[in-house]
């Protein structure tokens, strides 16, 4: 079965967000958040976030009645990520300023907005 536009946007946004998490490990993002336990605690925090993103994709891929909520969750996660990093930039932190880091954040912003815009299409494709 060929993915529809909302599914494609969800997959792209998930891919970009997970790649951002790889980049976050490079930049030691836990230091920006002042997390105790360093990378170990950061990994623990990422387990449920990644699990939720994958569970949400299952809802989208199967056109579940919960796919609208799944799109909202991922788009919200993307916009929250961009907002947090915008705050880091405004505070003068030098992390995440490489071209690929900036690209991932910009792509997250654009894909998250596109996901929200295509919510009516996701509803139309839901199973009832």
PDB file of N, CA and C in Angstrom:
ATOM      1  N   UNK A   1       0.838  -1.169   0.000  1.00  0.00           N
ATOM      2  CA  UNK A   1       0.000   0.000   0.000  1.00  0.00           C
ATOM      3  C   UNK A   1       0.892   1.245   0.000  1.00  0.00           C
ATOM      4  N   UNK A   2       0.557   2.183  -0.862  1.00  0.00           N
ATOM      5  CA  UNK A   2       1.324   3.429  -0.970  1.00  0.00           C
ATOM      6  C   UNK A   2       0.942   4.368   0.173  1.00  0.00           C
ATOM      7  N   UNK A   3       1.956   4.966   0.868  1.00  0.00           N
ATOM      8  CA  UNK A   3       1.629   5.894   1.952  1.00  0.00           C
ATOM      9  C   UNK A   3       0.965   7.155   1.416  1.00  0.00           C
ATOM     10  N   UNK A   4       0.018   7.694   2.189  1.00  0.00           N
ATOM     11  CA  UNK A   4      -0.616   8.952   1.808  1.00  0.00           C
ATOM     12  C   UNK A   4       0.230  10.113   2.329  1.00  0.00           C
ATOM     13  N   UNK A   5      -0.189  11.329   2.029  1.00  0.00           N
ATOM     14  CA  UNK A   5       0.596  12.507   2.408  1.00  0.00           C
ATOM     15  C   UNK A   5       0.789  12.618   3.925  1.00  0.00           C
ATOM     16  N   UNK A   6      -0.264  12.464   4.735  1.00  0.00           N
ATOM     17  CA  UNK A   6      -0.028  12.547   6.185  1.00  0.00           C
ATOM     18  C   UNK A   6       0.958  11.479   6.690  1.00  0.00           C
ATOM     19  N   UNK A   7       0.860  10.271   6.181  1.00  0.00           N
ATOM     20  CA  UNK A   7       1.802   9.217   6.581  1.00  0.00           C
ATOM     21  C   UNK A   7       3.223   9.581   6.178  1.00  0.00           C
ATOM     22  N   UNK A   8       3.380  10.083   4.977  1.00  0.00           N
ATOM     23  CA  UNK A   8       4.706  10.462   4.487  1.00  0.00           C
ATOM     24  C   UNK A   8       5.303  11.570   5.344  1.00  0.00           C
ATOM     25  N   UNK A   9       4.499  12.574   5.666  1.00  0.00           N
ATOM     26  CA  UNK A   9       4.980  13.660   6.525  1.00  0.00           C
ATOM     27  C   UNK A   9       5.348  13.150   7.910  1.00  0.00           C
ATOM     28  N   UNK A  10       4.545  12.233   8.437  1.00  0.00           N
ATOM     29  CA  UNK A  10       4.840  11.668   9.753  1.00  0.00           C
ATOM     30  C   UNK A  10       6.170  10.927   9.721  1.00  0.00           C
ATOM     31  N   UNK A  11       6.361  10.110   8.697  1.00  0.00           N
ATOM     32  CA  UNK A  11       7.607   9.345   8.574  1.00  0.00           C
ATOM     33  C   UNK A  11       8.810  10.274   8.427  1.00  0.00           C
ATOM     34  N   UNK A  12       8.696  11.290   7.600  1.00  0.00           N
ATOM     35  CA  UNK A  12       9.795  12.243   7.419  1.00  0.00           C
ATOM     36  C   UNK A  12      10.101  12.979   8.716  1.00  0.00           C
ATOM     37  N   UNK A  13       9.070  13.439   9.409  1.00  0.00           N
ATOM     38  CA  UNK A  13       9.280  14.186  10.641  1.00  0.00           C
ATOM     39  C   UNK A  13       9.891  13.289  11.718  1.00  0.00           C
ATOM     40  N   UNK A  14       9.424  12.057  11.809  1.00  0.00           N
ATOM     41  CA  UNK A  14      10.003  11.117  12.774  1.00  0.00           C
ATOM     42  C   UNK A  14      11.479  10.886  12.465  1.00  0.00           C
ATOM     43  N   UNK A  15      11.796  10.703  11.211  1.00  0.00           N
ATOM     44  CA  UNK A  15      13.182  10.475  10.798  1.00  0.00           C
ATOM     45  C   UNK A  15      14.060  11.667  11.169  1.00  0.00           C
ATOM     46  N   UNK A  16      13.575  12.867  10.893  1.00  0.00           N
ATOM     47  CA  UNK A  16      14.337  14.078  11.198  1.00  0.00           C
ATOM     48  C   UNK A  16      14.505  14.243  12.714  1.00  0.00           C
ATOM     49  N   UNK A  17      13.437  14.015  13.460  1.00  0.00           N
ATOM     50  CA  UNK A  17      13.531  14.149  14.921  1.00  0.00           C
ATOM     51  C   UNK A  17      14.482  13.116  15.536  1.00  0.00           C
ATOM     52  N   UNK A  18      14.432  11.884  15.060  1.00  0.00           N
ATOM     53  CA  UNK A  18      15.341  10.862  15.591  1.00  0.00           C
ATOM     54  C   UNK A  18      16.787  11.169  15.197  1.00  0.00           C
ATOM     55  N   UNK A  19      16.984  11.703  14.016  1.00  0.00           N
ATOM     56  CA  UNK A  19      18.336  12.092  13.606  1.00  0.00           C
ATOM     57  C   UNK A  19      18.814  13.267  14.456  1.00  0.00           C
ATOM     58  N   UNK A  20      17.893  14.167  14.798  1.00  0.00           N
ATOM     59  CA  UNK A  20      18.249  15.256  15.718  1.00  0.00           C
ATOM     60  C   UNK A  20      18.722  14.680  17.056  1.00  0.00           C
ATOM     61  N   UNK A  21      18.115  13.610  17.513  1.00  0.00           N
ATOM     62  CA  UNK A  21      18.530  13.012  18.784  1.00  0.00           C
ATOM     63  C   UNK A  21      19.952  12.455  18.691  1.00  0.00           C
ATOM     64  N   UNK A  22      20.332  11.960  17.545  1.00  0.00           N
ATOM     65  CA  UNK A  22      21.725  11.530  17.335  1.00  0.00           C
ATOM     66  C   UNK A  22      22.638  12.745  17.427  1.00  0.00           C
ATOM     67  N   UNK A  23      22.214  13.832  16.775  1.00  0.00           N
ATOM     68  CA  UNK A  23      22.974  15.075  16.824  1.00  0.00           C
ATOM     69  C   UNK A  23      23.045  15.601  18.265  1.00  0.00           C
ATOM     70  N   UNK A  24      21.955  15.458  19.004  1.00  0.00           N
ATOM     71  CA  UNK A  24      21.918  15.913  20.398  1.00  0.00           C
ATOM     72  C   UNK A  24      22.951  15.174  21.244  1.00  0.00           C
ATOM     73  N   UNK A  25      23.168  13.908  20.950  1.00  0.00           N
ATOM     74  CA  UNK A  25      24.199  13.159  21.683  1.00  0.00           C
ATOM     75  C   UNK A  25      25.581  13.715  21.350  1.00  0.00           C
ATOM     76  N   UNK A  26      25.787  14.069  20.094  1.00  0.00           N
ATOM     77  CA  UNK A  26      27.067  14.656  19.696  1.00  0.00           C
ATOM     78  C   UNK A  26      27.332  15.947  20.486  1.00  0.00           C
ATOM     79  N   UNK A  27      26.296  16.766  20.634  1.00  0.00           N
ATOM     80  CA  UNK A  27      26.442  18.063  21.302  1.00  0.00           C
ATOM     81  C   UNK A  27      26.327  17.965  22.821  1.00  0.00           C
ATOM     82  N   UNK A  28      26.159  16.764  23.349  1.00  0.00           N
ATOM     83  CA  UNK A  28      26.008  16.581  24.807  1.00  0.00           C
ATOM     84  C   UNK A  28      24.856  17.443  25.325  1.00  0.00           C
ATOM     85  N   UNK A  29      23.714  17.277  24.710  1.00  0.00           N
ATOM     86  CA  UNK A  29      22.543  18.094  25.018  1.00  0.00           C
ATOM     87  C   UNK A  29      22.158  18.040  26.503  1.00  0.00           C
ATOM     88  N   UNK A  30      22.459  16.939  27.152  1.00  0.00           N
ATOM     89  CA  UNK A  30      22.139  16.821  28.582  1.00  0.00           C
ATOM     90  C   UNK A  30      22.815  17.911  29.394  1.00  0.00           C
ATOM     91  N   UNK A  31      23.950  18.416  28.922  1.00  0.00           N
ATOM     92  CA  UNK A  31      24.611  19.520  29.629  1.00  0.00           C
ATOM     93  C   UNK A  31      23.795  20.814  29.508  1.00  0.00           C
ATOM     94  N   UNK A  32      23.174  21.025  28.360  1.00  0.00           N
ATOM     95  CA  UNK A  32      22.335  22.216  28.177  1.00  0.00           C
ATOM     96  C   UNK A  32      21.133  22.191  29.120  1.00  0.00           C
ATOM     97  N   UNK A  33      20.616  20.990  29.373  1.00  0.00           N
ATOM     98  CA  UNK A  33      19.473  20.837  30.268  1.00  0.00           C
ATOM     99  C   UNK A  33      19.889  20.654  31.731  1.00  0.00           C
ATOM    100  N   UNK A  34      21.193  20.601  31.956  1.00  0.00           N
ATOM    101  CA  UNK A  34      21.723  20.388  33.310  1.00  0.00           C
ATOM    102  C   UNK A  34      21.159  19.106  33.936  1.00  0.00           C
ATOM    103  N   UNK A  35      21.108  18.045  33.115  1.00  0.00           N
ATOM    104  CA  UNK A  35      20.589  16.767  33.595  1.00  0.00           C
ATOM    105  C   UNK A  35      21.639  16.029  34.409  1.00  0.00           C
ATOM    106  N   UNK A  36      21.259  15.537  35.565  1.00  0.00           N
ATOM    107  CA  UNK A  36      22.204  14.705  36.315  1.00  0.00           C
ATOM    108  C   UNK A  36      22.336  13.355  35.607  1.00  0.00           C
ATOM    109  N   UNK A  37      23.462  12.735  35.722  1.00  0.00           N
ATOM    110  CA  UNK A  37      23.642  11.419  35.122  1.00  0.00           C
ATOM    111  C   UNK A  37      24.114  11.432  33.689  1.00  0.00           C
ATOM    112  N   UNK A  38      24.267  12.612  33.119  1.00  0.00           N
ATOM    113  CA  UNK A  38      24.835  12.730  31.779  1.00  0.00           C
ATOM    114  C   UNK A  38      24.122  11.908  30.731  1.00  0.00           C
ATOM    115  N   UNK A  39      24.901  11.293  29.868  1.00  0.00           N
ATOM    116  CA  UNK A  39      24.361  10.544  28.744  1.00  0.00           C
ATOM    117  C   UNK A  39      23.508   9.366  29.198  1.00  0.00           C
ATOM    118  N   UNK A  40      23.843   8.754  30.326  1.00  0.00           N
ATOM    119  CA  UNK A  40      23.067   7.605  30.787  1.00  0.00           C
ATOM    120  C   UNK A  40      21.614   7.999  31.056  1.00  0.00           C
ATOM    121  N   UNK A  41      21.411   9.103  31.748  1.00  0.00           N
ATOM    122  CA  UNK A  41      20.055   9.574  32.021  1.00  0.00           C
ATOM    123  C   UNK A  41      19.390  10.059  30.732  1.00  0.00           C
ATOM    124  N   UNK A  42      20.145  10.673  29.854  1.00  0.00           N
ATOM    125  CA  UNK A  42      19.638  11.121  28.564  1.00  0.00           C
ATOM    126  C   UNK A  42      19.091   9.929  27.765  1.00  0.00           C
ATOM    127  N   UNK A  43      19.817   8.827  27.763  1.00  0.00           N
ATOM    128  CA  UNK A  43      19.349   7.630  27.057  1.00  0.00           C
ATOM    129  C   UNK A  43      18.053   7.105  27.671  1.00  0.00           C
ATOM    130  N   UNK A  44      17.985   7.105  28.996  1.00  0.00           N
ATOM    131  CA  UNK A  44      16.772   6.647  29.669  1.00  0.00           C
ATOM    132  C   UNK A  44      15.581   7.525  29.285  1.00  0.00           C
ATOM    133  N   UNK A  45      15.785   8.839  29.220  1.00  0.00           N
ATOM    134  CA  UNK A  45      14.702   9.752  28.833  1.00  0.00           C
ATOM    135  C   UNK A  45      14.267   9.540  27.385  1.00  0.00           C
ATOM    136  N   UNK A  46      15.196   9.162  26.530  1.00  0.00           N
ATOM    137  CA  UNK A  46      14.866   8.970  25.120  1.00  0.00           C
ATOM    138  C   UNK A  46      14.089   7.683  24.857  1.00  0.00           C
ATOM    139  N   UNK A  47      14.214   6.687  25.714  1.00  0.00           N
ATOM    140  CA  UNK A  47      13.496   5.424  25.500  1.00  0.00           C
ATOM    141  C   UNK A  47      11.985   5.625  25.368  1.00  0.00           C
ATOM    142  N   UNK A  48      11.318   6.271  26.324  1.00  0.00           N
ATOM    143  CA  UNK A  48       9.867   6.428  26.159  1.00  0.00           C
ATOM    144  C   UNK A  48       9.484   7.372  25.022  1.00  0.00           C
ATOM    145  N   UNK A  49      10.313   8.377  24.762  1.00  0.00           N
ATOM    146  CA  UNK A  49      10.001   9.306  23.668  1.00  0.00           C
ATOM    147  C   UNK A  49      10.036   8.575  22.327  1.00  0.00           C
ATOM    148  N   UNK A  50      11.064   7.775  22.116  1.00  0.00           N
ATOM    149  CA  UNK A  50      11.180   7.022  20.868  1.00  0.00           C
ATOM    150  C   UNK A  50      10.077   5.974  20.776  1.00  0.00           C
ATOM    151  N   UNK A  51       9.783   5.308  21.891  1.00  0.00           N
ATOM    152  CA  UNK A  51       8.702   4.315  21.895  1.00  0.00           C
ATOM    153  C   UNK A  51       7.365   4.967  21.545  1.00  0.00           C
ATOM    154  N   UNK A  52       7.086   6.138  22.111  1.00  0.00           N
ATOM    155  CA  UNK A  52       5.840   6.843  21.801  1.00  0.00           C
ATOM    156  C   UNK A  52       5.777   7.253  20.330  1.00  0.00           C
ATOM    157  N   UNK A  53       6.896   7.715  19.785  1.00  0.00           N
ATOM    158  CA  UNK A  53       6.918   8.097  18.361  1.00  0.00           C
ATOM    159  C   UNK A  53       6.650   6.887  17.475  1.00  0.00           C
ATOM    160  N   UNK A  54       7.232   5.742  17.818  1.00  0.00           N
ATOM    161  CA  UNK A  54       7.005   4.537  17.021  1.00  0.00           C
ATOM    162  C   UNK A  54       5.576   4.017  17.179  1.00  0.00           C
ATOM    163  N   UNK A  55       5.039   4.087  18.385  1.00  0.00           N
ATOM    164  CA  UNK A  55       3.648   3.681  18.600  1.00  0.00           C
ATOM    165  C   UNK A  55       2.697   4.613  17.848  1.00  0.00           C
ATOM    166  N   UNK A  56       3.031   5.891  17.840  1.00  0.00           N
ATOM    167  CA  UNK A  56       2.207   6.851  17.100  1.00  0.00           C
ATOM    168  C   UNK A  56       2.261   6.550  15.606  1.00  0.00           C
ATOM    169  N   UNK A  57       3.447   6.185  15.103  1.00  0.00           N
ATOM    170  CA  UNK A  57       3.532   5.857  13.678  1.00  0.00           C
ATOM    171  C   UNK A  57       2.675   4.640  13.347  1.00  0.00           C
ATOM    172  N   UNK A  58       2.610   3.682  14.242  1.00  0.00           N
ATOM    173  CA  UNK A  58       1.746   2.518  14.012  1.00  0.00           C
ATOM    174  C   UNK A  58       0.299   2.963  13.860  1.00  0.00           C
ATOM    175  N   UNK A  59      -0.137   3.911  14.668  1.00  0.00           N
ATOM    176  CA  UNK A  59      -1.507   4.428  14.569  1.00  0.00           C
ATOM    177  C   UNK A  59      -1.736   5.109  13.220  1.00  0.00           C
ATOM    178  N   UNK A  60      -0.739   5.837  12.766  1.00  0.00           N
ATOM    179  CA  UNK A  60      -0.844   6.541  11.488  1.00  0.00           C
ATOM    180  C   UNK A  60      -0.802   5.546  10.330  1.00  0.00           C
ATOM    181  N   UNK A  61       0.109   4.594  10.393  1.00  0.00           N
ATOM    182  CA  UNK A  61       0.269   3.628   9.301  1.00  0.00           C
ATOM    183  C   UNK A  61      -0.966   2.751   9.113  1.00  0.00           C
ATOM    184  N   UNK A  62      -1.675   2.491  10.188  1.00  0.00           N
ATOM    185  CA  UNK A  62      -2.864   1.629  10.105  1.00  0.00           C
ATOM    186  C   UNK A  62      -4.161   2.429   9.993  1.00  0.00           C
ATOM    187  N   UNK A  63      -4.045   3.729   9.839  1.00  0.00           N
ATOM    188  CA  UNK A  63      -5.215   4.620   9.751  1.00  0.00           C
ATOM    189  C   UNK A  63      -6.148   4.421  10.938  1.00  0.00           C
ATOM    190  N   UNK A  64      -5.567   4.261  12.094  1.00  0.00           N
ATOM    191  CA  UNK A  64      -6.317   4.089  13.334  1.00  0.00           C
ATOM    192  C   UNK A  64      -7.157   5.326  13.622  1.00  0.00           C
ATOM    193  N   UNK A  65      -8.236   5.171  14.374  1.00  0.00           N
ATOM    194  CA  UNK A  65      -8.992   6.351  14.811  1.00  0.00           C
ATOM    195  C   UNK A  65      -8.140   7.299  15.677  1.00  0.00           C
ATOM    196  N   UNK A  66      -7.013   6.805  16.178  1.00  0.00           N
ATOM    197  CA  UNK A  66      -6.129   7.627  17.017  1.00  0.00           C
ATOM    198  C   UNK A  66      -5.035   8.343  16.215  1.00  0.00           C
ATOM    199  N   UNK A  67      -5.093   8.235  14.895  1.00  0.00           N
ATOM    200  CA  UNK A  67      -4.010   8.832  14.113  1.00  0.00           C
ATOM    201  C   UNK A  67      -3.974  10.348  14.215  1.00  0.00           C
ATOM    202  N   UNK A  68      -5.109  10.997  14.374  1.00  0.00           N
ATOM    203  CA  UNK A  68      -5.111  12.471  14.522  1.00  0.00           C
ATOM    204  C   UNK A  68      -4.305  12.860  15.758  1.00  0.00           C
ATOM    205  N   UNK A  69      -4.548  12.183  16.870  1.00  0.00           N
ATOM    206  CA  UNK A  69      -3.807  12.436  18.096  1.00  0.00           C
ATOM    207  C   UNK A  69      -2.318  12.149  17.903  1.00  0.00           C
ATOM    208  N   UNK A  70      -2.013  11.121  17.132  1.00  0.00           N
ATOM    209  CA  UNK A  70      -0.616  10.763  16.863  1.00  0.00           C
ATOM    210  C   UNK A  70       0.082  11.846  16.061  1.00  0.00           C
ATOM    211  N   UNK A  71      -0.605  12.393  15.068  1.00  0.00           N
ATOM    212  CA  UNK A  71      -0.038  13.506  14.296  1.00  0.00           C
ATOM    213  C   UNK A  71       0.176  14.717  15.196  1.00  0.00           C
ATOM    214  N   UNK A  72      -0.794  15.009  16.041  1.00  0.00           N
ATOM    215  CA  UNK A  72      -0.678  16.148  16.951  1.00  0.00           C
ATOM    216  C   UNK A  72       0.484  15.945  17.922  1.00  0.00           C
ATOM    217  N   UNK A  73       0.636  14.725  18.426  1.00  0.00           N
ATOM    218  CA  UNK A  73       1.740  14.421  19.338  1.00  0.00           C
ATOM    219  C   UNK A  73       3.080  14.683  18.667  1.00  0.00           C
ATOM    220  N   UNK A  74       3.285  14.119  17.481  1.00  0.00           N
ATOM    221  CA  UNK A  74       4.590  14.257  16.838  1.00  0.00           C
ATOM    222  C   UNK A  74       4.852  15.700  16.414  1.00  0.00           C
ATOM    223  N   UNK A  75       3.845  16.350  15.852  1.00  0.00           N
ATOM    224  CA  UNK A  75       4.021  17.755  15.463  1.00  0.00           C
ATOM    225  C   UNK A  75       4.307  18.606  16.705  1.00  0.00           C
ATOM    226  N   UNK A  76       3.617  18.334  17.793  1.00  0.00           N
ATOM    227  CA  UNK A  76       3.877  19.057  19.040  1.00  0.00           C
ATOM    228  C   UNK A  76       5.280  18.814  19.555  1.00  0.00           C
ATOM    229  N   UNK A  77       5.727  17.564  19.475  1.00  0.00           N
ATOM    230  CA  UNK A  77       7.095  17.234  19.885  1.00  0.00           C
ATOM    231  C   UNK A  77       8.105  17.988  19.014  1.00  0.00           C
ATOM    232  N   UNK A  78       7.831  18.043  17.715  1.00  0.00           N
ATOM    233  CA  UNK A  78       8.716  18.772  16.808  1.00  0.00           C
ATOM    234  C   UNK A  78       8.759  20.255  17.115  1.00  0.00           C
ATOM    235  N   UNK A  79       7.595  20.862  17.327  1.00  0.00           N
ATOM    236  CA  UNK A  79       7.552  22.297  17.619  1.00  0.00           C
ATOM    237  C   UNK A  79       8.171  22.607  18.979  1.00  0.00           C
ATOM    238  N   UNK A  80       7.986  21.707  19.947  1.00  0.00           N
ATOM    239  CA  UNK A  80       8.633  21.885  21.247  1.00  0.00           C
ATOM    240  C   UNK A  80      10.154  21.825  21.109  1.00  0.00           C
ATOM    241  N   UNK A  81      10.637  20.895  20.308  1.00  0.00           N
ATOM    242  CA  UNK A  81      12.077  20.771  20.062  1.00  0.00           C
ATOM    243  C   UNK A  81      12.628  22.065  19.473  1.00  0.00           C
ATOM    244  N   UNK A  82      11.939  22.595  18.476  1.00  0.00           N
ATOM    245  CA  UNK A  82      12.391  23.838  17.834  1.00  0.00           C
ATOM    246  C   UNK A  82      12.336  24.999  18.823  1.00  0.00           C
ATOM    247  N   UNK A  83      11.287  25.071  19.625  1.00  0.00           N
ATOM    248  CA  UNK A  83      11.169  26.159  20.610  1.00  0.00           C
ATOM    249  C   UNK A  83      12.296  26.101  21.637  1.00  0.00           C
ATOM    250  N   UNK A  84      12.591  24.904  22.132  1.00  0.00           N
ATOM    251  CA  UNK A  84      13.667  24.757  23.122  1.00  0.00           C
ATOM    252  C   UNK A  84      15.001  25.185  22.521  1.00  0.00           C
ATOM    253  N   UNK A  85      15.272  24.743  21.309  1.00  0.00           N
ATOM    254  CA  UNK A  85      16.548  25.089  20.687  1.00  0.00           C
ATOM    255  C   UNK A  85      16.613  26.556  20.300  1.00  0.00           C
ATOM    256  N   UNK A  86      15.489  27.147  19.982  1.00  0.00           N
ATOM    257  CA  UNK A  86      15.467  28.592  19.740  1.00  0.00           C
ATOM    258  C   UNK A  86      15.866  29.329  21.007  1.00  0.00           C
ATOM    259  N   UNK A  87      15.387  28.835  22.148  1.00  0.00           N
ATOM    260  CA  UNK A  87      15.784  29.415  23.424  1.00  0.00           C
ATOM    261  C   UNK A  87      17.281  29.279  23.673  1.00  0.00           C
ATOM    262  N   UNK A  88      17.835  28.115  23.330  1.00  0.00           N
ATOM    263  CA  UNK A  88      19.284  27.919  23.475  1.00  0.00           C
ATOM    264  C   UNK A  88      20.051  28.901  22.588  1.00  0.00           C
ATOM    265  N   UNK A  89      19.558  29.092  21.361  1.00  0.00           N
ATOM    266  CA  UNK A  89      20.227  30.038  20.457  1.00  0.00           C
ATOM    267  C   UNK A  89      20.178  31.461  21.027  1.00  0.00           C
ATOM    268  N   UNK A  90      18.999  31.859  21.502  1.00  0.00           N
ATOM    269  CA  UNK A  90      18.845  33.208  22.061  1.00  0.00           C
ATOM    270  C   UNK A  90      19.707  33.408  23.305  1.00  0.00           C
ATOM    271  N   UNK A  91      19.941  32.328  24.043  1.00  0.00           N
ATOM    272  CA  UNK A  91      20.786  32.407  25.239  1.00  0.00           C
ATOM    273  C   UNK A  91      22.272  32.398  24.893  1.00  0.00           C
ATOM    274  N   UNK A  92      22.582  32.247  23.601  1.00  0.00           N
ATOM    275  CA  UNK A  92      23.969  32.316  23.159  1.00  0.00           C
ATOM    276  C   UNK A  92      24.744  31.007  23.175  1.00  0.00           C
ATOM    277  N   UNK A  93      24.049  29.897  23.344  1.00  0.00           N
ATOM    278  CA  UNK A  93      24.755  28.605  23.327  1.00  0.00           C
ATOM    279  C   UNK A  93      25.293  28.316  21.924  1.00  0.00           C
ATOM    280  N   UNK A  94      26.525  27.838  21.821  1.00  0.00           N
ATOM    281  CA  UNK A  94      27.128  27.596  20.505  1.00  0.00           C
ATOM    282  C   UNK A  94      26.744  26.252  19.878  1.00  0.00           C
ATOM    283  N   UNK A  95      26.090  25.382  20.652  1.00  0.00           N
ATOM    284  CA  UNK A  95      25.746  24.061  20.135  1.00  0.00           C
ATOM    285  C   UNK A  95      24.676  24.146  19.047  1.00  0.00           C
ATOM    286  N   UNK A  96      24.641  23.131  18.214  1.00  0.00           N
ATOM    287  CA  UNK A  96      23.627  22.971  17.164  1.00  0.00           C
ATOM    288  C   UNK A  96      23.695  24.067  16.096  1.00  0.00           C
ATOM    289  N   UNK A  97      24.887  24.580  15.833  1.00  0.00           N
ATOM    290  CA  UNK A  97      25.025  25.640  14.825  1.00  0.00           C
ATOM    291  C   UNK A  97      25.690  25.162  13.542  1.00  0.00           C
ATOM    292  N   UNK A  98      26.006  23.869  13.484  1.00  0.00           N
ATOM    293  CA  UNK A  98      26.546  23.330  12.233  1.00  0.00           C
ATOM    294  C   UNK A  98      25.413  23.259  11.208  1.00  0.00           C
ATOM    295  N   UNK A  99      25.751  23.296   9.924  1.00  0.00           N
ATOM    296  CA  UNK A  99      24.704  23.314   8.895  1.00  0.00           C
ATOM    297  C   UNK A  99      23.685  22.171   9.015  1.00  0.00           C
ATOM    298  N   UNK A 100      24.127  20.942   9.272  1.00  0.00           N
ATOM    299  CA  UNK A 100      23.186  19.832   9.373  1.00  0.00           C
ATOM    300  C   UNK A 100      22.316  19.959  10.613  1.00  0.00           C
ATOM    301  N   UNK A 101      22.882  20.439  11.712  1.00  0.00           N
ATOM    302  CA  UNK A 101      22.088  20.652  12.930  1.00  0.00           C
ATOM    303  C   UNK A 101      20.973  21.659  12.666  1.00  0.00           C
ATOM    304  N   UNK A 102      21.323  22.753  12.006  1.00  0.00           N
ATOM    305  CA  UNK A 102      20.338  23.782  11.673  1.00  0.00           C
ATOM    306  C   UNK A 102      19.309  23.265  10.677  1.00  0.00           C
ATOM    307  N   UNK A 103      19.771  22.483   9.704  1.00  0.00           N
ATOM    308  CA  UNK A 103      18.852  21.891   8.726  1.00  0.00           C
ATOM    309  C   UNK A 103      17.825  21.001   9.418  1.00  0.00           C
ATOM    310  N   UNK A 104      18.291  20.152  10.349  1.00  0.00           N
ATOM    311  CA  UNK A 104      17.369  19.250  11.044  1.00  0.00           C
ATOM    312  C   UNK A 104      16.314  20.031  11.823  1.00  0.00           C
ATOM    313  N   UNK A 105      16.718  21.092  12.485  1.00  0.00           N
ATOM    314  CA  UNK A 105      15.759  21.898  13.244  1.00  0.00           C
ATOM    315  C   UNK A 105      14.787  22.624  12.308  1.00  0.00           C
ATOM    316  N   UNK A 106      15.291  23.164  11.211  1.00  0.00           N
ATOM    317  CA  UNK A 106      14.408  23.835  10.245  1.00  0.00           C
ATOM    318  C   UNK A 106      13.440  22.835   9.618  1.00  0.00           C
ATOM    319  N   UNK A 107      13.937  21.656   9.272  1.00  0.00           N
ATOM    320  CA  UNK A 107      13.081  20.617   8.690  1.00  0.00           C
ATOM    321  C   UNK A 107      12.019  20.178   9.687  1.00  0.00           C
ATOM    322  N   UNK A 108      12.392  20.063  10.945  1.00  0.00           N
ATOM    323  CA  UNK A 108      11.426  19.697  11.980  1.00  0.00           C
ATOM    324  C   UNK A 108      10.310  20.732  12.059  1.00  0.00           C
ATOM    325  N   UNK A 109      10.682  21.991  12.014  1.00  0.00           N
ATOM    326  CA  UNK A 109       9.685  23.068  12.066  1.00  0.00           C
ATOM    327  C   UNK A 109       8.727  22.980  10.881  1.00  0.00           C
ATOM    328  N   UNK A 110       9.274  22.869   9.689  1.00  0.00           N
ATOM    329  CA  UNK A 110       8.457  22.829   8.471  1.00  0.00           C
ATOM    330  C   UNK A 110       7.582  21.583   8.434  1.00  0.00           C
ATOM    331  N   UNK A 111       8.164  20.425   8.749  1.00  0.00           N
ATOM    332  CA  UNK A 111       7.397  19.174   8.710  1.00  0.00           C
ATOM    333  C   UNK A 111       6.315  19.144   9.788  1.00  0.00           C
ATOM    334  N   UNK A 112       6.598  19.703  10.951  1.00  0.00           N
ATOM    335  CA  UNK A 112       5.595  19.739  12.017  1.00  0.00           C
ATOM    336  C   UNK A 112       4.403  20.602  11.617  1.00  0.00           C
ATOM    337  N   UNK A 113       4.691  21.760  11.026  1.00  0.00           N
ATOM    338  CA  UNK A 113       3.600  22.616  10.548  1.00  0.00           C
ATOM    339  C   UNK A 113       2.815  21.940   9.424  1.00  0.00           C
ATOM    340  N   UNK A 114       3.519  21.280   8.523  1.00  0.00           N
ATOM    341  CA  UNK A 114       2.851  20.565   7.428  1.00  0.00           C
ATOM    342  C   UNK A 114       1.970  19.448   7.970  1.00  0.00           C
ATOM    343  N   UNK A 115       2.452  18.742   8.988  1.00  0.00           N
ATOM    344  CA  UNK A 115       1.631  17.697   9.602  1.00  0.00           C
ATOM    345  C   UNK A 115       0.335  18.266  10.142  1.00  0.00           C
ATOM    346  N   UNK A 116       0.421  19.375  10.848  1.00  0.00           N
ATOM    347  CA  UNK A 116      -0.782  19.987  11.402  1.00  0.00           C
ATOM    348  C   UNK A 116      -1.730  20.441  10.291  1.00  0.00           C
ATOM    349  N   UNK A 117      -1.169  20.948   9.215  1.00  0.00           N
ATOM    350  CA  UNK A 117      -1.991  21.415   8.092  1.00  0.00           C
ATOM    351  C   UNK A 117      -2.726  20.265   7.402  1.00  0.00           C
ATOM    352  N   UNK A 118      -2.126  19.073   7.406  1.00  0.00           N
ATOM    353  CA  UNK A 118      -2.753  17.939   6.721  1.00  0.00           C
ATOM    354  C   UNK A 118      -3.630  17.094   7.642  1.00  0.00           C
ATOM    355  N   UNK A 119      -3.896  17.560   8.861  1.00  0.00           N
ATOM    356  CA  UNK A 119      -4.764  16.799   9.766  1.00  0.00           C
ATOM    357  C   UNK A 119      -6.128  16.462   9.167  1.00  0.00           C
ATOM    358  N   UNK A 120      -6.766  17.369   8.411  1.00  0.00           N
ATOM    359  CA  UNK A 120      -8.053  16.984   7.807  1.00  0.00           C
ATOM    360  C   UNK A 120      -7.929  15.774   6.882  1.00  0.00           C
ATOM    361  N   UNK A 121      -6.806  15.634   6.188  1.00  0.00           N
ATOM    362  CA  UNK A 121      -6.599  14.462   5.334  1.00  0.00           C
ATOM    363  C   UNK A 121      -6.456  13.201   6.173  1.00  0.00           C
ATOM    364  N   UNK A 122      -5.793  13.319   7.300  1.00  0.00           N
ATOM    365  CA  UNK A 122      -5.619  12.155   8.179  1.00  0.00           C
ATOM    366  C   UNK A 122      -6.969  11.704   8.710  1.00  0.00           C
ATOM    367  N   UNK A 123      -7.825  12.639   9.044  1.00  0.00           N
ATOM    368  CA  UNK A 123      -9.161  12.277   9.532  1.00  0.00           C
ATOM    369  C   UNK A 123      -9.975  11.568   8.464  1.00  0.00           C
ATOM    370  N   UNK A 124      -9.855  12.030   7.245  1.00  0.00           N
ATOM    371  CA  UNK A 124     -10.623  11.451   6.145  1.00  0.00           C
ATOM    372  C   UNK A 124     -10.210  10.005   5.901  1.00  0.00           C
ATOM    373  N   UNK A 125      -8.930   9.690   6.187  1.00  0.00           N
ATOM    374  CA  UNK A 125      -8.430   8.342   5.942  1.00  0.00           C
ATOM    375  C   UNK A 125      -8.557   7.420   7.147  1.00  0.00           C
ATOM    376  N   UNK A 126      -9.162   7.888   8.241  1.00  0.00           N
ATOM    377  CA  UNK A 126      -9.279   7.058   9.448  1.00  0.00           C
ATOM    378  C   UNK A 126     -10.282   5.940   9.243  1.00  0.00           C
ATOM    379  N   UNK A 127      -9.990   4.839   9.918  1.00  0.00           N
ATOM    380  CA  UNK A 127     -10.970   3.748   9.985  1.00  0.00           C
ATOM    381  C   UNK A 127     -11.973   4.116  11.058  1.00  0.00           C
ATOM    382  N   UNK A 128     -13.202   3.772  10.884  1.00  0.00           N
ATOM    383  CA  UNK A 128     -14.202   4.039  11.908  1.00  0.00           C
ATOM    384  C   UNK A 128     -14.797   2.767  12.438  1.00  0.00           C
TER     385      UNK A 128
END
